[in-house]
Amino acid sequence: MSDDVFLPQIENLINTAKQGGGAPLENLAPNEARELRQAFFKELLGNTKEISYTNDFYIPVDGREVFCRHYRHREDENRGCLVYYHGGGWLVGSVESHDNLCRKLCLKAGCDIISVDYSLSPENKFPRAVHDCFEALKWVAANSGTLGFDPQKIAVAGDSSGGNLAASVCLMSRDRSGPEIQLQILVYPVTNLKNLATASYLKYNDDLLLTKSAMAYFIDQYLENPDQAEDPYASPLLAKDHQNLPPALILLAEHDVLTSDGELYGQVLEQAGNAVNTVILPGTIHLFFGMEILSDMENGLELAAKALREAL
């Protein structure tokens, strides 16, 4: 790793994190990890951006309620909607932790955004989270008239574990005749829960902010048993059929244990005949998406917003 080149802001962030020490997430109780990670996410994403409209609401899922937040900045009858799934290893993160990311993306892309507070592990094991995410997509599409956007212009996106959920939702929507999705944006997605020995895992191991040890812990907390890692809705890369999926923008960090996961998924999507644009952002690490210390070209927001404007 000594030969790796990082953006100066990223190098400073890595050094600060190393100096700060602290217990690894896998050594903390879930609630403690959530509290610490929420503050960390909000710090990375900067001060709250003002937009024209936000609204909090709940959708019914199997006798429960799933919290969502609606973002809008542009009044336009033809605007589309992005359904967003936050990252956090299926264990931490929330609508609140990613609030400013959704605000920034809403401002740049011009589409509505619905952010989904899906059920977290270990209290809720696979497939609860992906089920919540798919049900949210269906509800949003069915209620597009009330929400005020074009039902033919729906995209999904997510970062890290949220990218995993977005990819899984696309498979599920295809398999179960769900809403038509115009675009999937997968930001450093987890695509294979069965293989933690890819090239990028072997290269970075436990050296950066997201470690192999943390990923092993997250996966263990997410799955009811290890065999579930072979389920395509847990590991989208392992699906037997990748045909007829939405066009994909895959944004990856140059230095990240998950880089290979994203590269390999882009390859299988392309081999199956789907439109794919895989972009590795130079000098970046996991969590770059929307980082306040980076420009919008460096942190992926400009690329994501451009793809959304073109697709929706």
Protein backbone atom coordinates (compact mmCIF):
# COMPACT_ATOMS: atom_id res chain seq x y z
CA MET A 1 0.00 0.00 0.00
CA SER A 2 3.03 2.28 0.37
CA ASP A 3 3.01 3.01 -3.38
CA ASP A 4 -0.66 4.05 -3.43
CA VAL A 5 -1.42 7.68 -4.23
CA PHE A 6 -4.30 9.35 -2.39
CA LEU A 7 -5.91 12.72 -2.88
CA PRO A 8 -4.33 15.09 -0.31
CA GLN A 9 -7.64 15.53 1.53
CA ILE A 10 -8.06 11.76 1.72
CA GLU A 11 -4.52 11.27 3.00
CA ASN A 12 -5.21 13.78 5.77
CA LEU A 13 -8.43 11.96 6.64
CA ILE A 14 -6.62 8.61 6.86
CA ASN A 15 -3.89 10.07 9.08
CA THR A 16 -6.44 11.73 11.36
CA ALA A 17 -8.37 8.48 11.70
CA LYS A 18 -5.19 6.57 12.56
CA GLN A 19 -4.22 9.13 15.19
CA GLY A 20 -7.71 9.09 16.66
CA GLY A 21 -7.54 5.38 17.41
CA GLY A 22 -10.75 4.09 18.98
CA ALA A 23 -12.26 0.64 19.01
CA PRO A 24 -13.13 -1.01 15.67
CA LEU A 25 -16.85 -1.08 14.90
CA GLU A 26 -16.92 -4.84 15.28
CA ASN A 27 -15.92 -4.43 18.95
CA LEU A 28 -18.86 -2.14 19.75
CA ALA A 29 -22.47 -2.86 20.63
CA PRO A 30 -24.78 -2.11 17.66
CA ASN A 31 -26.37 0.97 19.24
CA GLU A 32 -22.97 2.40 20.17
CA ALA A 33 -21.66 1.74 16.67
CA ARG A 34 -24.73 3.45 15.18
CA GLU A 35 -24.30 6.54 17.31
CA LEU A 36 -20.63 6.92 16.46
CA ARG A 37 -21.10 6.20 12.76
CA GLN A 38 -24.03 8.61 12.46
CA ALA A 39 -21.84 11.45 13.74
CA PHE A 40 -18.99 10.38 11.44
CA PHE A 41 -21.22 10.25 8.33
CA LYS A 42 -22.68 13.68 9.09
CA GLU A 43 -19.20 15.14 9.57
CA LEU A 44 -18.00 13.72 6.24
CA LEU A 45 -21.04 15.08 4.38
CA GLY A 46 -20.79 18.64 5.72
CA ASN A 47 -23.29 21.30 6.67
CA THR A 48 -26.95 20.81 5.75
CA LYS A 49 -27.89 22.11 2.30
CA GLU A 50 -31.20 23.94 1.99
CA ILE A 51 -33.69 22.58 -0.53
CA SER A 52 -37.26 23.55 -1.38
CA TYR A 53 -39.14 20.63 0.17
CA THR A 54 -38.69 17.66 2.47
CA ASN A 55 -41.36 15.44 3.98
CA ASP A 56 -41.08 12.52 6.38
CA PHE A 57 -43.54 9.66 6.06
CA TYR A 58 -44.00 5.95 6.72
CA ILE A 59 -44.91 3.14 4.36
CA PRO A 60 -46.63 -0.07 5.48
CA VAL A 61 -44.61 -3.28 5.12
CA ASP A 62 -45.96 -6.55 6.53
CA GLY A 63 -47.75 -4.91 9.43
CA ARG A 64 -44.74 -2.69 10.20
CA GLU A 65 -43.88 0.84 9.15
CA VAL A 66 -40.73 1.82 7.28
CA PHE A 67 -39.62 5.43 7.65
CA CYS A 68 -38.82 7.42 4.49
CA ARG A 69 -37.87 10.99 3.64
CA HIS A 70 -38.91 12.75 0.43
CA TYR A 71 -36.61 15.43 -1.05
CA ARG A 72 -37.62 17.84 -3.81
CA HIS A 73 -36.07 20.99 -5.17
CA ARG A 74 -37.62 21.43 -8.61
CA GLU A 75 -41.29 21.80 -9.48
CA ASP A 76 -41.68 20.02 -12.79
CA GLU A 77 -44.44 17.61 -13.81
CA ASN A 78 -41.96 15.54 -15.82
CA ARG A 79 -39.37 15.08 -13.09
CA GLY A 80 -38.32 11.61 -12.02
CA CYS A 81 -37.53 10.04 -8.66
CA LEU A 82 -34.50 8.29 -7.19
CA VAL A 83 -35.10 5.74 -4.42
CA TYR A 84 -32.00 5.80 -2.21
CA TYR A 85 -30.67 3.13 0.16
CA HIS A 86 -28.02 4.30 2.64
CA GLY A 87 -24.82 2.44 3.42
CA GLY A 88 -23.51 1.22 6.76
CA GLY A 89 -22.91 -2.52 6.59
CA TRP A 90 -26.64 -3.25 6.98
CA LEU A 91 -26.00 -2.44 10.67
CA VAL A 92 -25.37 1.32 10.97
CA GLY A 93 -26.47 4.35 8.96
CA SER A 94 -29.91 5.84 8.50
CA VAL A 95 -31.94 8.40 6.61
CA GLU A 96 -30.48 10.96 9.03
CA SER A 97 -26.85 9.94 8.50
CA HIS A 98 -27.23 10.34 4.73
CA ASP A 99 -29.56 13.34 4.83
CA ASN A 100 -27.09 15.85 3.45
CA LEU A 101 -25.94 13.44 0.73
CA CYS A 102 -29.53 13.20 -0.52
CA ARG A 103 -29.91 16.98 -0.32
CA LYS A 104 -26.76 17.53 -2.36
CA LEU A 105 -27.79 14.97 -4.97
CA CYS A 106 -31.31 16.38 -5.18
CA LEU A 107 -29.91 19.86 -5.83
CA LYS A 108 -27.50 18.68 -8.53
CA ALA A 109 -29.70 16.10 -10.29
CA GLY A 110 -33.04 17.93 -10.16
CA CYS A 111 -35.03 14.76 -9.50
CA ASP A 112 -37.00 13.88 -6.37
CA ILE A 113 -35.32 11.51 -3.92
CA ILE A 114 -36.96 9.08 -1.51
CA SER A 115 -34.53 7.85 1.14
CA VAL A 116 -35.51 4.57 2.82
CA ASP A 117 -34.80 3.68 6.47
CA TYR A 118 -34.79 -0.09 5.98
CA SER A 119 -34.53 -2.56 8.90
CA LEU A 120 -31.01 -2.98 10.30
CA SER A 121 -29.14 -6.06 11.47
CA PRO A 122 -28.45 -7.85 13.77
CA GLU A 123 -32.00 -7.31 15.05
CA ASN A 124 -33.33 -7.97 11.54
CA LYS A 125 -31.59 -10.65 9.51
CA PHE A 126 -31.52 -11.18 5.73
CA PRO A 127 -33.77 -10.90 3.76
CA ARG A 128 -35.65 -8.30 5.86
CA ALA A 129 -33.64 -5.29 4.62
CA VAL A 130 -33.86 -6.13 0.91
CA HIS A 131 -37.56 -6.92 1.34
CA ASP A 132 -38.10 -3.50 2.93
CA CYS A 133 -36.24 -1.85 0.07
CA PHE A 134 -38.23 -3.64 -2.64
CA GLU A 135 -41.54 -2.93 -0.90
CA ALA A 136 -40.54 0.73 -0.62
CA LEU A 137 -39.80 0.85 -4.35
CA LYS A 138 -43.20 -0.67 -5.15
CA TRP A 139 -45.00 1.72 -2.81
CA VAL A 140 -43.21 4.75 -4.24
CA ALA A 141 -44.07 3.71 -7.81
CA ALA A 142 -47.71 3.02 -6.91
CA ASN A 143 -48.03 6.40 -5.18
CA SER A 144 -46.15 8.49 -7.75
CA GLY A 145 -49.26 10.57 -8.45
CA THR A 146 -49.57 11.63 -4.83
CA LEU A 147 -45.83 12.11 -4.49
CA GLY A 148 -45.80 14.19 -7.66
CA PHE A 149 -43.37 12.60 -10.11
CA ASP A 150 -43.49 10.62 -13.36
CA PRO A 151 -43.90 6.87 -12.60
CA GLN A 152 -41.98 6.03 -15.78
CA LYS A 153 -38.90 7.81 -14.43
CA ILE A 154 -37.67 5.84 -11.42
CA ALA A 155 -34.06 5.05 -10.50
CA VAL A 156 -32.45 3.33 -7.52
CA ALA A 157 -29.11 3.99 -5.86
CA GLY A 158 -27.12 3.16 -2.77
CA ASP A 159 -23.65 3.24 -1.29
CA SER A 160 -21.76 0.21 0.06
CA SER A 161 -24.35 -2.08 1.69
CA GLY A 162 -26.93 0.28 0.19
CA GLY A 163 -25.38 -0.41 -3.21
CA ASN A 164 -25.81 -4.10 -2.47
CA LEU A 165 -29.49 -3.50 -1.68
CA ALA A 166 -29.99 -1.39 -4.82
CA ALA A 167 -28.49 -4.12 -7.01
CA SER A 168 -30.61 -6.75 -5.25
CA VAL A 169 -33.76 -4.66 -5.69
CA CYS A 170 -33.09 -4.50 -9.44
CA LEU A 171 -32.84 -8.28 -9.60
CA MET A 172 -35.95 -8.68 -7.46
CA SER A 173 -37.95 -6.17 -9.50
CA ARG A 174 -37.05 -8.02 -12.70
CA ASP A 175 -37.82 -11.43 -11.20
CA ARG A 176 -41.11 -10.40 -9.58
CA SER A 177 -42.49 -8.06 -12.25
CA GLY A 178 -41.89 -5.01 -10.10
CA PRO A 179 -41.61 -1.37 -11.20
CA GLU A 180 -39.48 -0.58 -14.24
CA ILE A 181 -36.19 0.97 -13.16
CA GLN A 182 -34.45 3.35 -15.56
CA LEU A 183 -31.05 3.43 -13.84
CA GLN A 184 -29.14 1.82 -10.98
CA ILE A 185 -26.32 3.77 -9.35
CA LEU A 186 -24.11 1.47 -7.30
CA VAL A 187 -21.49 3.26 -5.22
CA TYR A 188 -18.71 0.94 -3.98
CA PRO A 189 -21.30 -1.85 -3.70
CA VAL A 190 -20.94 -5.14 -1.86
CA THR A 191 -21.79 -7.73 -4.51
CA ASN A 192 -20.45 -11.03 -3.15
CA LEU A 193 -20.85 -11.89 0.53
CA LYS A 194 -19.22 -15.27 -0.03
CA ASN A 195 -15.79 -14.15 -1.23
CA LEU A 196 -13.60 -11.92 0.93
CA ALA A 197 -10.45 -12.95 -0.95
CA THR A 198 -10.75 -10.80 -4.08
CA ALA A 199 -7.76 -8.79 -5.31
CA SER A 200 -8.82 -5.64 -3.46
CA TYR A 201 -9.56 -7.49 -0.21
CA LEU A 202 -6.12 -9.11 -0.37
CA LYS A 203 -4.41 -5.82 -1.16
CA TYR A 204 -6.00 -3.61 1.49
CA ASN A 205 -7.06 -6.15 4.13
CA ASP A 206 -7.28 -4.08 7.35
CA ASP A 207 -5.26 -1.04 6.21
CA LEU A 208 -7.96 1.56 5.41
CA LEU A 209 -11.13 2.99 6.97
CA LEU A 210 -13.22 0.04 5.79
CA THR A 211 -11.42 -3.17 6.72
CA LYS A 212 -11.79 -6.80 5.74
CA SER A 213 -12.43 -7.57 9.41
CA ALA A 214 -15.29 -5.08 9.52
CA MET A 215 -16.83 -6.54 6.36
CA ALA A 216 -16.65 -10.06 7.79
CA TYR A 217 -18.38 -8.78 10.92
CA PHE A 218 -21.08 -6.93 8.97
CA ILE A 219 -21.83 -10.00 6.86
CA ASP A 220 -21.98 -12.24 9.92
CA GLN A 221 -24.47 -9.88 11.57
CA TYR A 222 -26.56 -9.55 8.39
CA LEU A 223 -27.03 -13.22 7.52
CA GLU A 224 -29.03 -15.75 9.53
CA ASN A 225 -26.53 -18.40 8.44
CA PRO A 226 -23.47 -18.47 6.11
CA ASP A 227 -25.32 -20.42 3.41
CA GLN A 228 -27.46 -17.34 2.72
CA ALA A 229 -24.39 -15.70 1.16
CA GLU A 230 -25.17 -17.76 -1.96
CA ASP A 231 -28.64 -16.21 -2.32
CA PRO A 232 -28.55 -13.80 -5.29
CA TYR A 233 -30.55 -11.23 -3.31
CA ALA A 234 -27.72 -11.25 -0.75
CA SER A 235 -24.89 -11.57 -3.31
CA PRO A 236 -26.04 -10.07 -6.63
CA LEU A 237 -22.82 -11.19 -8.33
CA LEU A 238 -23.87 -14.82 -7.79
CA ALA A 239 -27.21 -14.52 -9.60
CA LYS A 240 -27.51 -17.11 -12.37
CA ASP A 241 -28.98 -14.57 -14.78
CA HIS A 242 -27.97 -10.91 -15.12
CA GLN A 243 -29.91 -10.19 -18.31
CA ASN A 244 -32.54 -7.47 -18.64
CA LEU A 245 -31.36 -5.32 -15.76
CA PRO A 246 -31.39 -1.51 -15.68
CA PRO A 247 -28.47 0.48 -17.05
CA ALA A 248 -25.83 0.83 -14.35
CA LEU A 249 -23.45 3.51 -13.18
CA ILE A 250 -20.92 1.91 -10.82
CA LEU A 251 -18.75 4.36 -8.87
CA LEU A 252 -15.73 2.84 -7.14
CA ALA A 253 -12.90 4.02 -4.92
CA GLU A 254 -9.42 3.38 -6.24
CA HIS A 255 -8.30 2.19 -2.80
CA ASP A 256 -10.97 0.05 -1.13
CA VAL A 257 -11.51 -3.57 -0.12
CA LEU A 258 -14.73 -3.45 -2.19
CA THR A 259 -13.22 -2.22 -5.48
CA SER A 260 -13.11 -5.74 -6.95
CA ASP A 261 -16.74 -6.38 -5.94
CA GLY A 262 -17.84 -3.44 -8.06
CA GLU A 263 -15.53 -4.21 -10.98
CA LEU A 264 -16.65 -7.84 -11.16
CA TYR A 265 -20.31 -6.88 -11.00
CA GLY A 266 -19.86 -4.37 -13.80
CA GLN A 267 -18.25 -7.09 -15.90
CA VAL A 268 -21.08 -9.61 -15.44
CA LEU A 269 -23.71 -6.94 -16.13
CA GLU A 270 -21.94 -5.96 -19.35
CA GLN A 271 -21.45 -9.59 -20.42
CA ALA A 272 -25.20 -10.10 -19.98
CA GLY A 273 -25.93 -7.27 -22.42
CA ASN A 274 -26.69 -4.42 -20.04
CA ALA A 275 -25.43 -0.87 -20.41
CA VAL A 276 -22.73 -0.30 -17.78
CA ASN A 277 -20.43 2.58 -16.93
CA THR A 278 -17.89 1.65 -14.26
CA VAL A 279 -15.82 4.56 -12.99
CA ILE A 280 -12.93 4.28 -10.53
CA LEU A 281 -12.33 7.65 -8.89
CA PRO A 282 -8.57 8.19 -8.53
CA GLY A 283 -7.03 8.74 -5.13
CA THR A 284 -10.21 7.93 -3.23
CA ILE A 285 -11.19 5.49 -0.49
CA HIS A 286 -14.45 4.02 0.76
CA LEU A 287 -16.95 6.70 1.88
CA PHE A 288 -15.87 9.24 -0.78
CA PHE A 289 -19.44 9.69 -2.08
CA GLY A 290 -20.56 13.22 -1.30
CA MET A 291 -17.57 14.01 0.94
CA GLU A 292 -17.54 17.73 1.73
CA ILE A 293 -13.73 17.93 1.61
CA LEU A 294 -13.73 16.86 -2.05
CA SER A 295 -15.02 18.59 -5.17
CA ASP A 296 -18.20 17.22 -6.71
CA MET A 297 -16.13 15.66 -9.50
CA GLU A 298 -13.84 13.97 -6.97
CA ASN A 299 -16.64 12.73 -4.70
CA GLY A 300 -18.84 11.27 -7.44
CA LEU A 301 -21.80 13.63 -7.06
CA GLU A 302 -21.33 15.21 -10.49
CA LEU A 303 -21.18 11.82 -12.20
CA ALA A 304 -24.24 10.53 -10.36
CA ALA A 305 -26.23 13.71 -11.01
CA LYS A 306 -25.34 13.69 -14.72
CA ALA A 307 -26.45 10.06 -15.05
CA LEU A 308 -29.74 10.85 -13.30
CA ARG A 309 -30.41 13.88 -15.49
CA GLU A 310 -29.84 11.78 -18.61
CA ALA A 311 -31.89 8.78 -17.42
CA LEU A 312 -34.82 10.62 -15.88
